[in-house]
Amino acid sequence: MGTIKVTALIQCILALLLAIWGVKLLLPDRNVWGNPQFETLMMQCQIPSTEAIIRLYQGNGGATVAYWYSVTFDYGKFLGEKQIFYAYAYPSIQSIDCRADEVTVLADEQSWTFSLKEIKNQLINQPIGFYKGETQQKSIQPLRILTLSFGVLLELISVWILSRSFKQFRASRHPGHPRNSRTS
């Protein structure tokens, strides 16, 4: 195999790796609020007679940030795990309880009960969120915008590398072709 073919192959592999990384960054995240990388699983329960698992995480972003709590729903299908409830600072979520057709989120002084139907039809698309006790509306976080931008950039770079490597590979197969000879 010629040097140009090896170089083209290496570029194709690099482009593929960048494309995979870019797609991973572009796929929807588990959380609408909070960062899963800084969350620790506190507890989980399975909704009886289903494959659905409810998980409670506690997030800790460091010394200058309050704890946050994230409750997720994992139906075990392609959809994957999705946040359904979030609280930053307070209310402080203490536990979750799974029953046959509903889930209860328990905080210090209050609780919320959601039917399985409500979770599947509404909350996986629009989770309930609190910021220091005030209701939050779903929005894209600045870090998510940066992540999406980087994912798009990786996809563009991989397409550019791939097109370059295909041109090099074609040029190595037809060295005498007029398009492949360069004149000064």
C-alpha atoms as a PDB file:
ATOM      1  CA  MET A   1       0.000   0.000   0.000  1.00  0.00           C
ATOM      2  CA  GLY A   2       1.401   3.394  -0.972  1.00  0.00           C
ATOM      3  CA  THR A   3       2.107   6.198   1.449  1.00  0.00           C
ATOM      4  CA  ILE A   4      -0.772   8.273   0.100  1.00  0.00           C
ATOM      5  CA  LYS A   5      -3.199   5.385   0.649  1.00  0.00           C
ATOM      6  CA  VAL A   6      -1.951   4.875   4.230  1.00  0.00           C
ATOM      7  CA  THR A   7      -2.272   8.603   4.908  1.00  0.00           C
ATOM      8  CA  ALA A   8      -5.786   8.611   3.424  1.00  0.00           C
ATOM      9  CA  LEU A   9      -6.732   5.610   5.572  1.00  0.00           C
ATOM     10  CA  ILE A  10      -5.409   7.266   8.742  1.00  0.00           C
ATOM     11  CA  GLN A  11      -7.336  10.428   7.881  1.00  0.00           C
ATOM     12  CA  CYS A  12     -10.534   8.386   7.363  1.00  0.00           C
ATOM     13  CA  ILE A  13     -10.096   6.746  10.764  1.00  0.00           C
ATOM     14  CA  LEU A  14      -9.480  10.149  12.390  1.00  0.00           C
ATOM     15  CA  ALA A  15     -12.557  11.579  10.654  1.00  0.00           C
ATOM     16  CA  LEU A  16     -14.656   8.641  11.864  1.00  0.00           C
ATOM     17  CA  LEU A  17     -13.486   9.077  15.470  1.00  0.00           C
ATOM     18  CA  LEU A  18     -14.209  12.826  15.366  1.00  0.00           C
ATOM     19  CA  ALA A  19     -17.650  12.165  13.834  1.00  0.00           C
ATOM     20  CA  ILE A  20     -18.515   9.646  16.568  1.00  0.00           C
ATOM     21  CA  TRP A  21     -17.372  12.083  19.270  1.00  0.00           C
ATOM     22  CA  GLY A  22     -19.391  14.874  17.627  1.00  0.00           C
ATOM     23  CA  VAL A  23     -22.554  12.752  17.442  1.00  0.00           C
ATOM     24  CA  LYS A  24     -22.136  11.804  21.114  1.00  0.00           C
ATOM     25  CA  LEU A  25     -21.999  15.504  22.027  1.00  0.00           C
ATOM     26  CA  LEU A  26     -25.048  16.298  19.878  1.00  0.00           C
ATOM     27  CA  LEU A  27     -27.293  13.589  21.321  1.00  0.00           C
ATOM     28  CA  PRO A  28     -29.745  14.734  24.005  1.00  0.00           C
ATOM     29  CA  ASP A  29     -28.385  14.626  27.528  1.00  0.00           C
ATOM     30  CA  ARG A  30     -30.007  12.792  30.419  1.00  0.00           C
ATOM     31  CA  ASN A  31     -30.600  16.040  32.285  1.00  0.00           C
ATOM     32  CA  VAL A  32     -32.295  19.299  31.390  1.00  0.00           C
ATOM     33  CA  TRP A  33     -30.811  20.881  34.531  1.00  0.00           C
ATOM     34  CA  GLY A  34     -27.670  19.954  36.432  1.00  0.00           C
ATOM     35  CA  ASN A  35     -24.648  18.044  35.227  1.00  0.00           C
ATOM     36  CA  PRO A  36     -24.721  14.217  35.366  1.00  0.00           C
ATOM     37  CA  GLN A  37     -20.911  14.140  35.658  1.00  0.00           C
ATOM     38  CA  PHE A  38     -21.173  15.700  39.143  1.00  0.00           C
ATOM     39  CA  GLU A  39     -24.087  13.589  40.364  1.00  0.00           C
ATOM     40  CA  THR A  40     -24.025  10.647  42.760  1.00  0.00           C
ATOM     41  CA  LEU A  41     -26.766   8.039  42.836  1.00  0.00           C
ATOM     42  CA  MET A  42     -28.573   8.245  46.202  1.00  0.00           C
ATOM     43  CA  MET A  43     -31.237   5.616  45.605  1.00  0.00           C
ATOM     44  CA  GLN A  44     -33.353   3.932  42.964  1.00  0.00           C
ATOM     45  CA  CYS A  45     -36.577   1.957  42.825  1.00  0.00           C
ATOM     46  CA  GLN A  46     -38.358  -0.056  40.169  1.00  0.00           C
ATOM     47  CA  ILE A  47     -41.989   0.528  39.331  1.00  0.00           C
ATOM     48  CA  PRO A  48     -43.664  -2.850  40.033  1.00  0.00           C
ATOM     49  CA  SER A  49     -44.630  -4.975  37.005  1.00  0.00           C
ATOM     50  CA  THR A  50     -42.579  -2.806  34.637  1.00  0.00           C
ATOM     51  CA  GLU A  51     -38.965  -2.379  33.548  1.00  0.00           C
ATOM     52  CA  ALA A  52     -39.085   1.293  34.582  1.00  0.00           C
ATOM     53  CA  ILE A  53     -36.528   2.470  37.136  1.00  0.00           C
ATOM     54  CA  ILE A  54     -36.686   5.776  38.990  1.00  0.00           C
ATOM     55  CA  ARG A  55     -33.350   7.150  40.238  1.00  0.00           C
ATOM     56  CA  LEU A  56     -32.541   9.931  42.689  1.00  0.00           C
ATOM     57  CA  TYR A  57     -29.200  11.674  42.294  1.00  0.00           C
ATOM     58  CA  GLN A  58     -27.521  14.331  44.392  1.00  0.00           C
ATOM     59  CA  GLY A  59     -25.330  16.782  42.501  1.00  0.00           C
ATOM     60  CA  ASN A  60     -22.367  18.650  43.912  1.00  0.00           C
ATOM     61  CA  GLY A  61     -20.581  21.189  41.735  1.00  0.00           C
ATOM     62  CA  GLY A  62     -18.041  22.229  44.356  1.00  0.00           C
ATOM     63  CA  ALA A  63     -17.631  24.478  47.384  1.00  0.00           C
ATOM     64  CA  THR A  64     -19.294  27.575  45.906  1.00  0.00           C
ATOM     65  CA  VAL A  65     -22.386  25.768  44.600  1.00  0.00           C
ATOM     66  CA  ALA A  66     -25.402  24.383  46.475  1.00  0.00           C
ATOM     67  CA  TYR A  67     -26.413  20.753  46.157  1.00  0.00           C
ATOM     68  CA  TRP A  68     -28.989  19.850  43.538  1.00  0.00           C
ATOM     69  CA  TYR A  69     -31.254  16.856  43.244  1.00  0.00           C
ATOM     70  CA  SER A  70     -32.232  15.094  40.066  1.00  0.00           C
ATOM     71  CA  VAL A  71     -34.922  12.428  39.694  1.00  0.00           C
ATOM     72  CA  THR A  72     -34.778  10.407  36.480  1.00  0.00           C
ATOM     73  CA  PHE A  73     -36.952   7.869  34.695  1.00  0.00           C
ATOM     74  CA  ASP A  74     -35.346   4.966  32.845  1.00  0.00           C
ATOM     75  CA  TYR A  75     -37.809   2.866  30.896  1.00  0.00           C
ATOM     76  CA  GLY A  76     -35.089   0.570  29.579  1.00  0.00           C
ATOM     77  CA  LYS A  77     -35.890   1.322  25.943  1.00  0.00           C
ATOM     78  CA  PHE A  78     -34.110   3.370  23.272  1.00  0.00           C
ATOM     79  CA  LEU A  79     -35.152   6.602  25.006  1.00  0.00           C
ATOM     80  CA  GLY A  80     -32.780   5.917  27.880  1.00  0.00           C
ATOM     81  CA  GLU A  81     -32.716   7.708  31.208  1.00  0.00           C
ATOM     82  CA  LYS A  82     -34.451  11.108  31.326  1.00  0.00           C
ATOM     83  CA  GLN A  83     -34.757  13.694  34.067  1.00  0.00           C
ATOM     84  CA  ILE A  84     -38.323  14.208  35.337  1.00  0.00           C
ATOM     85  CA  PHE A  85     -37.733  16.341  38.460  1.00  0.00           C
ATOM     86  CA  TYR A  86     -34.964  18.720  39.559  1.00  0.00           C
ATOM     87  CA  ALA A  87     -34.310  20.942  42.562  1.00  0.00           C
ATOM     88  CA  TYR A  88     -31.334  23.242  43.111  1.00  0.00           C
ATOM     89  CA  ALA A  89     -30.619  24.151  46.767  1.00  0.00           C
ATOM     90  CA  TYR A  90     -34.185  23.475  47.968  1.00  0.00           C
ATOM     91  CA  PRO A  91     -36.479  21.755  48.281  1.00  0.00           C
ATOM     92  CA  SER A  92     -33.982  19.168  49.477  1.00  0.00           C
ATOM     93  CA  ILE A  93     -35.117  15.816  48.085  1.00  0.00           C
ATOM     94  CA  GLN A  94     -34.788  13.015  50.625  1.00  0.00           C
ATOM     95  CA  SER A  95     -36.156   9.953  48.840  1.00  0.00           C
ATOM     96  CA  ILE A  96     -38.352   8.463  46.140  1.00  0.00           C
ATOM     97  CA  ASP A  97     -41.077   5.844  46.379  1.00  0.00           C
ATOM     98  CA  CYS A  98     -42.244   3.659  43.490  1.00  0.00           C
ATOM     99  CA  ARG A  99     -45.694   2.096  43.465  1.00  0.00           C
ATOM    100  CA  ALA A 100     -47.640   0.182  40.805  1.00  0.00           C
ATOM    101  CA  ASP A 101     -48.698   3.206  38.750  1.00  0.00           C
ATOM    102  CA  GLU A 102     -47.132   6.218  40.445  1.00  0.00           C
ATOM    103  CA  VAL A 103     -43.945   7.674  41.853  1.00  0.00           C
ATOM    104  CA  THR A 104     -43.615   9.959  44.868  1.00  0.00           C
ATOM    105  CA  VAL A 105     -40.719  12.388  45.333  1.00  0.00           C
ATOM    106  CA  LEU A 106     -40.273  13.214  49.022  1.00  0.00           C
ATOM    107  CA  ALA A 107     -38.614  16.414  50.261  1.00  0.00           C
ATOM    108  CA  ASP A 108     -38.125  17.803  53.786  1.00  0.00           C
ATOM    109  CA  GLU A 109     -41.577  19.354  54.120  1.00  0.00           C
ATOM    110  CA  GLN A 110     -43.504  18.348  51.013  1.00  0.00           C
ATOM    111  CA  SER A 111     -43.950  15.634  48.399  1.00  0.00           C
ATOM    112  CA  TRP A 112     -44.996  15.285  44.773  1.00  0.00           C
ATOM    113  CA  THR A 113     -46.783  12.272  43.303  1.00  0.00           C
ATOM    114  CA  PHE A 114     -46.724  11.585  39.566  1.00  0.00           C
ATOM    115  CA  SER A 115     -48.644   8.922  37.679  1.00  0.00           C
ATOM    116  CA  LEU A 116     -46.696   6.681  35.317  1.00  0.00           C
ATOM    117  CA  LYS A 117     -48.799   8.089  32.474  1.00  0.00           C
ATOM    118  CA  GLU A 118     -47.881  11.673  33.455  1.00  0.00           C
ATOM    119  CA  ILE A 119     -44.185  10.740  33.586  1.00  0.00           C
ATOM    120  CA  LYS A 120     -44.257   9.112  30.127  1.00  0.00           C
ATOM    121  CA  ASN A 121     -46.431  11.740  28.420  1.00  0.00           C
ATOM    122  CA  GLN A 122     -45.196  14.966  30.021  1.00  0.00           C
ATOM    123  CA  LEU A 123     -42.316  14.873  32.463  1.00  0.00           C
ATOM    124  CA  ILE A 124     -39.710  13.155  30.266  1.00  0.00           C
ATOM    125  CA  ASN A 125     -40.209  16.028  27.802  1.00  0.00           C
ATOM    126  CA  GLN A 126     -40.772  18.849  30.322  1.00  0.00           C
ATOM    127  CA  PRO A 127     -39.386  17.977  33.767  1.00  0.00           C
ATOM    128  CA  ILE A 128     -40.442  19.910  36.844  1.00  0.00           C
ATOM    129  CA  GLY A 129     -37.619  22.113  38.114  1.00  0.00           C
ATOM    130  CA  PHE A 130     -36.994  24.276  41.173  1.00  0.00           C
ATOM    131  CA  TYR A 131     -34.244  26.832  41.777  1.00  0.00           C
ATOM    132  CA  LYS A 132     -34.051  27.785  45.468  1.00  0.00           C
ATOM    133  CA  GLY A 133     -37.729  26.919  45.834  1.00  0.00           C
ATOM    134  CA  GLU A 134     -38.915  28.830  42.749  1.00  0.00           C
ATOM    135  CA  THR A 135     -40.333  26.964  39.761  1.00  0.00           C
ATOM    136  CA  GLN A 136     -38.030  26.916  36.722  1.00  0.00           C
ATOM    137  CA  GLN A 137     -38.945  26.807  33.060  1.00  0.00           C
ATOM    138  CA  LYS A 138     -37.041  24.451  30.772  1.00  0.00           C
ATOM    139  CA  SER A 139     -34.272  26.251  28.897  1.00  0.00           C
ATOM    140  CA  ILE A 140     -30.984  25.403  27.267  1.00  0.00           C
ATOM    141  CA  GLN A 141     -28.085  25.883  29.649  1.00  0.00           C
ATOM    142  CA  PRO A 142     -25.028  27.852  28.443  1.00  0.00           C
ATOM    143  CA  LEU A 143     -22.778  24.809  28.871  1.00  0.00           C
ATOM    144  CA  ARG A 144     -25.152  22.771  26.659  1.00  0.00           C
ATOM    145  CA  ILE A 145     -24.950  25.455  23.949  1.00  0.00           C
ATOM    146  CA  LEU A 146     -21.148  25.239  24.095  1.00  0.00           C
ATOM    147  CA  THR A 147     -21.304  21.421  23.931  1.00  0.00           C
ATOM    148  CA  LEU A 148     -23.646  21.510  20.917  1.00  0.00           C
ATOM    149  CA  SER A 149     -21.403  24.036  19.158  1.00  0.00           C
ATOM    150  CA  PHE A 150     -18.346  21.861  19.738  1.00  0.00           C
ATOM    151  CA  GLY A 151     -20.255  18.805  18.448  1.00  0.00           C
ATOM    152  CA  VAL A 152     -21.183  20.635  15.226  1.00  0.00           C
ATOM    153  CA  LEU A 153     -17.570  21.794  14.840  1.00  0.00           C
ATOM    154  CA  LEU A 154     -16.312  18.201  15.196  1.00  0.00           C
ATOM    155  CA  GLU A 155     -18.793  17.038  12.550  1.00  0.00           C
ATOM    156  CA  LEU A 156     -17.640  19.765  10.144  1.00  0.00           C
ATOM    157  CA  ILE A 157     -13.960  18.951  10.739  1.00  0.00           C
ATOM    158  CA  SER A 158     -14.600  15.244  10.152  1.00  0.00           C
ATOM    159  CA  VAL A 159     -16.386  15.967   6.841  1.00  0.00           C
ATOM    160  CA  TRP A 160     -13.481  18.196   5.744  1.00  0.00           C
ATOM    161  CA  ILE A 161     -10.874  15.535   6.676  1.00  0.00           C
ATOM    162  CA  LEU A 162     -12.906  12.836   4.940  1.00  0.00           C
ATOM    163  CA  SER A 163     -13.230  14.849   1.722  1.00  0.00           C
ATOM    164  CA  ARG A 164      -9.464  15.534   1.743  1.00  0.00           C
ATOM    165  CA  SER A 165      -8.633  11.871   2.265  1.00  0.00           C
ATOM    166  CA  PHE A 166     -10.970  10.783  -0.570  1.00  0.00           C
ATOM    167  CA  LYS A 167      -9.292  13.278  -2.917  1.00  0.00           C
ATOM    168  CA  GLN A 168      -5.859  11.935  -1.923  1.00  0.00           C
ATOM    169  CA  PHE A 169      -6.984   8.348  -2.362  1.00  0.00           C
ATOM    170  CA  ARG A 170      -8.472   9.033  -5.821  1.00  0.00           C
ATOM    171  CA  ALA A 171      -5.326  10.910  -6.843  1.00  0.00           C
ATOM    172  CA  SER A 172      -3.178   7.920  -5.839  1.00  0.00           C
ATOM    173  CA  ARG A 173      -5.292   5.539  -7.980  1.00  0.00           C
ATOM    174  CA  HIS A 174      -5.066   7.684 -11.144  1.00  0.00           C
ATOM    175  CA  PRO A 175      -1.674   9.437 -10.994  1.00  0.00           C
ATOM    176  CA  GLY A 176      -1.531  10.265 -14.723  1.00  0.00           C
ATOM    177  CA  HIS A 177      -5.045  11.730 -14.924  1.00  0.00           C
ATOM    178  CA  PRO A 178      -4.993  15.435 -16.040  1.00  0.00           C
ATOM    179  CA  ARG A 179      -6.941  16.508 -12.900  1.00  0.00           C
ATOM    180  CA  ASN A 180      -4.300  14.931 -10.710  1.00  0.00           C
ATOM    181  CA  SER A 181      -1.216  16.460 -12.284  1.00  0.00           C
ATOM    182  CA  ARG A 182      -0.229  19.791 -10.879  1.00  0.00           C
ATOM    183  CA  THR A 183       1.347  22.575 -12.840  1.00  0.00           C
ATOM    184  CA  SER A 184       3.159  25.555 -11.474  1.00  0.00           C
END
